[in-house]
Amino acid sequence: YKRPIMLLRGSFNPVLKLHLDMIEQAQAVFNNELSEAQKERSIELCEISTNNLLRDGSVDHEDFINRADALQTLNKTVLISRSAEFHRIATYLSRYTNEPIGIILSIGLLNELFKEKWSVNLPGGILESFGRLFKNNVQLYVYPWHNTKSKEQVTADNFKAPKNWQYFYQHLMQNTRIRPIGVGDPSLLAMTSRKTVKIIESGEAGWEKWIPDEALDIVKRQYRRAD
């Protein structure tokens, strides 16, 4: 309540060292814009949407609890929402604070923001969804992505917005609504949660190195249950 907020959206299935680096890199940029008093009051949130927890039309509550427990072992505050759309979570947070709000996202999720499926219920379409997202003191902090095909590191600076939205994207960048952030350890870009799950399910060894040590026991428990 009435605090600066840094929020990372994700499925955290499982939580990775990558997620911690995303928060650390975003926080470094975010803090540059805060006063000392604001820095002391700021809070980090890891948000999971129940839309990402649906299995066979219902929420797998034990799976959800395991993800929350894993994040809490890392001293992260967990926020559970039912908001698939970014503009809805931004509106929710803005009800409780007038302080800066930073939302951390990957290049993949940045691209998702330009898809019409997230604004089909809005008369103004994609433009209205962005208007609602940035209505208050909200900025997006975009973490790099490694394109395995082109071997290129894609950042907010060289991201190519979908056709007809390039100038609009440039406007958001120039007005610092979208901020690029760095990566502490580029090797972390090689692994995503989805890839980690595939390795675990295949029975391959070595996946543990991508998981924060504090959360490893809970993640092992989660996937022993899945077996």
Protein backbone atom coordinates (compact mmCIF):
# COMPACT_ATOMS: atom_id res chain seq x y z
CA TYR A 1 0.00 0.00 0.00
CA LYS A 2 1.46 3.36 -1.11
CA ARG A 3 4.82 1.75 -1.95
CA PRO A 4 6.92 1.60 -5.15
CA ILE A 5 6.39 -1.82 -6.73
CA MET A 6 8.63 -4.01 -8.88
CA LEU A 7 6.65 -6.94 -10.25
CA LEU A 8 7.78 -9.98 -12.22
CA ARG A 9 5.06 -11.93 -14.02
CA GLY A 10 5.65 -15.60 -14.72
CA SER A 11 4.55 -19.17 -14.32
CA PHE A 12 7.68 -19.95 -12.23
CA ASN A 13 7.34 -23.57 -13.28
CA PRO A 14 9.95 -24.00 -11.97
CA VAL A 15 11.57 -20.87 -10.57
CA LEU A 16 15.03 -20.36 -12.10
CA LYS A 17 18.19 -18.40 -11.43
CA LEU A 18 17.10 -16.55 -14.57
CA HIS A 19 14.11 -15.11 -12.70
CA LEU A 20 16.32 -13.81 -9.92
CA ASP A 21 18.60 -12.14 -12.45
CA MET A 22 15.61 -10.50 -14.12
CA ILE A 23 14.59 -8.97 -10.79
CA GLU A 24 18.14 -7.91 -9.90
CA GLN A 25 18.77 -6.25 -13.27
CA ALA A 26 15.40 -4.46 -13.29
CA GLN A 27 15.80 -3.34 -9.69
CA ALA A 28 19.16 -1.71 -10.50
CA VAL A 29 17.51 0.49 -13.15
CA PHE A 30 14.34 1.04 -11.12
CA ASN A 31 16.28 2.23 -8.07
CA ASN A 32 18.03 4.93 -10.09
CA GLU A 33 14.68 6.71 -10.37
CA LEU A 34 13.72 6.44 -6.70
CA SER A 35 14.60 8.61 -3.74
CA GLU A 36 16.31 7.00 -0.74
CA ALA A 37 13.00 6.99 1.12
CA GLN A 38 11.27 5.29 -1.81
CA LYS A 39 14.00 2.65 -2.05
CA GLU A 40 13.45 1.72 1.60
CA ARG A 41 9.71 1.30 1.06
CA SER A 42 9.79 -0.45 -2.32
CA ILE A 43 8.60 -4.05 -2.60
CA GLU A 44 9.29 -6.88 -5.03
CA LEU A 45 6.37 -9.06 -6.12
CA CYS A 46 6.38 -12.32 -8.05
CA GLU A 47 2.97 -12.66 -9.65
CA ILE A 48 1.37 -15.84 -10.91
CA SER A 49 -1.89 -15.71 -12.80
CA THR A 50 -4.30 -18.55 -12.15
CA ASN A 51 -4.80 -18.59 -15.92
CA ASN A 52 -1.38 -20.29 -16.06
CA LEU A 53 -2.34 -22.92 -13.48
CA LEU A 54 -5.31 -24.46 -15.24
CA ARG A 55 -5.18 -28.19 -15.84
CA ASP A 56 -8.19 -29.91 -17.34
CA GLY A 57 -10.29 -26.84 -16.64
CA SER A 58 -9.44 -26.56 -12.94
CA VAL A 59 -6.63 -25.22 -10.78
CA ASP A 60 -4.09 -27.73 -9.50
CA HIS A 61 -3.84 -26.32 -6.00
CA GLU A 62 -0.88 -28.41 -4.86
CA ASP A 63 1.15 -27.38 -7.89
CA PHE A 64 0.24 -23.77 -7.18
CA ILE A 65 1.34 -24.08 -3.54
CA ASN A 66 4.66 -25.63 -4.54
CA ARG A 67 5.44 -22.71 -6.83
CA ALA A 68 4.53 -20.20 -4.14
CA ASP A 69 6.61 -22.08 -1.56
CA ALA A 70 9.63 -22.14 -3.87
CA LEU A 71 9.42 -18.36 -4.35
CA GLN A 72 9.00 -17.75 -0.64
CA THR A 73 12.18 -19.68 0.15
CA LEU A 74 13.87 -16.96 -1.92
CA ASN A 75 12.26 -14.28 0.31
CA LYS A 76 9.95 -13.17 -2.49
CA THR A 77 6.43 -11.91 -1.88
CA VAL A 78 4.00 -13.89 -4.02
CA LEU A 79 0.95 -12.28 -5.60
CA ILE A 80 -1.75 -14.49 -7.08
CA SER A 81 -4.08 -12.92 -9.62
CA ARG A 82 -6.66 -13.99 -12.14
CA SER A 83 -5.57 -11.31 -14.61
CA ALA A 84 -4.22 -12.67 -17.87
CA GLU A 85 -3.97 -9.18 -19.39
CA PHE A 86 -1.13 -6.90 -18.38
CA HIS A 87 -3.35 -3.83 -18.26
CA ARG A 88 -5.56 -5.49 -15.65
CA ILE A 89 -2.72 -6.24 -13.26
CA ALA A 90 -1.39 -2.69 -13.74
CA THR A 91 -4.84 -1.27 -12.94
CA TYR A 92 -5.09 -3.45 -9.84
CA LEU A 93 -1.72 -2.30 -8.49
CA SER A 94 -2.54 1.34 -9.23
CA ARG A 95 -5.54 1.16 -6.90
CA TYR A 96 -3.18 0.88 -3.94
CA THR A 97 -0.24 3.11 -4.81
CA ASN A 98 0.62 6.32 -6.63
CA GLU A 99 4.30 5.43 -6.46
CA PRO A 100 6.26 4.09 -9.47
CA ILE A 101 5.35 0.62 -10.71
CA GLY A 102 7.81 -1.44 -12.71
CA ILE A 103 6.71 -4.62 -14.50
CA ILE A 104 9.48 -6.97 -15.61
CA LEU A 105 8.91 -9.08 -18.70
CA SER A 106 10.74 -11.04 -21.34
CA ILE A 107 10.98 -10.27 -25.04
CA GLY A 108 8.40 -13.01 -25.65
CA LEU A 109 5.85 -11.37 -23.38
CA LEU A 110 6.62 -7.97 -24.88
CA ASN A 111 5.64 -9.40 -28.26
CA GLU A 112 2.45 -10.82 -26.72
CA LEU A 113 1.29 -7.31 -25.79
CA PHE A 114 0.78 -6.55 -29.48
CA LYS A 115 -1.54 -9.51 -30.06
CA GLU A 116 -5.21 -8.73 -30.52
CA LYS A 117 -6.40 -11.63 -28.34
CA TRP A 118 -5.58 -9.61 -25.21
CA SER A 119 -7.80 -6.71 -26.21
CA VAL A 120 -10.78 -8.31 -27.96
CA ASN A 121 -13.12 -7.01 -25.23
CA LEU A 122 -11.85 -3.43 -25.48
CA PRO A 123 -13.54 -1.02 -27.94
CA GLY A 124 -10.18 0.62 -28.64
CA GLY A 125 -8.37 -2.66 -29.22
CA ILE A 126 -4.61 -2.87 -28.74
CA LEU A 127 -4.24 0.89 -28.42
CA GLU A 128 -6.70 0.98 -25.54
CA SER A 129 -4.95 -1.91 -23.80
CA PHE A 130 -1.67 0.02 -23.92
CA GLY A 131 -3.45 3.16 -22.75
CA ARG A 132 -4.81 1.33 -19.72
CA LEU A 133 -1.44 -0.28 -19.04
CA PHE A 134 0.39 3.05 -18.99
CA LYS A 135 -2.45 5.13 -17.51
CA ASN A 136 -0.59 5.56 -14.24
CA ASN A 137 3.06 5.61 -13.20
CA VAL A 138 3.92 2.30 -14.91
CA GLN A 139 7.04 1.29 -16.83
CA LEU A 140 7.98 -2.01 -18.48
CA TYR A 141 11.46 -3.38 -17.86
CA VAL A 142 12.40 -5.72 -20.70
CA TYR A 143 14.94 -8.50 -20.17
CA PRO A 144 17.02 -9.78 -23.13
CA TRP A 145 16.40 -13.02 -24.99
CA HIS A 146 18.81 -15.20 -26.92
CA ASN A 147 17.53 -16.14 -30.37
CA THR A 148 18.86 -19.67 -30.86
CA LYS A 149 18.32 -19.53 -34.62
CA SER A 150 20.01 -16.24 -35.44
CA LYS A 151 22.36 -16.40 -32.39
CA GLU A 152 21.34 -12.80 -31.76
CA GLN A 153 20.66 -11.31 -28.35
CA VAL A 154 17.34 -9.54 -28.64
CA THR A 155 16.83 -6.54 -26.36
CA ALA A 156 14.21 -3.84 -25.99
CA ASP A 157 16.48 -1.64 -28.10
CA ASN A 158 16.63 -3.92 -31.15
CA PHE A 159 13.23 -5.61 -30.73
CA LYS A 160 11.17 -5.44 -33.91
CA ALA A 161 7.57 -4.62 -33.10
CA PRO A 162 4.89 -6.22 -35.29
CA LYS A 163 3.99 -4.55 -38.58
CA ASN A 164 2.18 -1.21 -38.24
CA TRP A 165 3.28 -0.84 -34.60
CA GLN A 166 6.95 0.08 -35.11
CA TYR A 167 6.46 3.86 -34.70
CA PHE A 168 4.23 3.36 -31.71
CA TYR A 169 6.89 1.17 -30.10
CA GLN A 170 9.53 3.83 -30.77
CA HIS A 171 7.25 6.35 -29.05
CA LEU A 172 7.05 4.14 -25.95
CA MET A 173 10.83 3.73 -25.91
CA GLN A 174 11.54 7.43 -26.38
CA ASN A 175 9.18 8.31 -23.54
CA THR A 176 10.75 5.66 -21.26
CA ARG A 177 7.55 3.70 -20.86
CA ILE A 178 9.60 0.71 -21.97
CA ARG A 179 13.07 0.36 -20.49
CA PRO A 180 15.79 -2.10 -21.58
CA ILE A 181 17.64 -3.93 -18.83
CA GLY A 182 20.82 -5.98 -18.98
CA VAL A 183 21.66 -9.55 -18.06
CA GLY A 184 24.05 -10.42 -15.25
CA ASP A 185 25.06 -13.84 -16.56
CA PRO A 186 24.40 -14.37 -20.30
CA SER A 187 24.56 -18.16 -19.85
CA LEU A 188 21.23 -17.97 -17.99
CA LEU A 189 19.52 -17.05 -21.27
CA ALA A 190 20.10 -20.61 -22.50
CA MET A 191 17.45 -22.03 -20.18
CA THR A 192 13.76 -21.28 -19.76
CA SER A 193 11.23 -22.88 -17.42
CA ARG A 194 9.69 -24.74 -20.35
CA LYS A 195 13.05 -26.21 -21.38
CA THR A 196 13.79 -27.15 -17.79
CA VAL A 197 10.52 -29.06 -17.50
CA LYS A 198 11.31 -30.98 -20.70
CA ILE A 199 14.73 -31.96 -19.33
CA ILE A 200 13.22 -33.10 -16.04
CA GLU A 201 10.51 -35.11 -17.79
CA SER A 202 13.08 -36.75 -20.08
CA GLY A 203 15.09 -37.95 -17.10
CA GLU A 204 18.24 -36.11 -18.14
CA ALA A 205 20.69 -35.01 -15.47
CA GLY A 206 22.02 -31.52 -14.82
CA TRP A 207 18.83 -29.48 -14.63
CA GLU A 208 19.44 -28.68 -10.97
CA LYS A 209 22.16 -26.15 -11.82
CA TRP A 210 19.53 -23.77 -13.22
CA ILE A 211 17.50 -23.74 -9.98
CA PRO A 212 18.36 -21.46 -7.03
CA ASP A 213 19.81 -23.60 -4.23
CA GLU A 214 17.24 -22.43 -1.68
CA ALA A 215 14.34 -23.62 -3.85
CA LEU A 216 15.84 -26.88 -5.09
CA ASP A 217 14.28 -29.21 -2.50
CA ILE A 218 10.80 -27.84 -3.18
CA VAL A 219 11.22 -28.12 -6.95
CA LYS A 220 12.38 -31.73 -6.57
CA ARG A 221 9.33 -32.43 -4.42
CA GLN A 222 7.10 -30.86 -7.05
CA TYR A 223 8.39 -33.04 -9.86
CA ARG A 224 8.55 -36.23 -7.83
CA ARG A 225 4.83 -35.70 -7.35
CA ALA A 226 4.40 -35.17 -11.11
CA ASP A 227 6.11 -38.53 -11.75
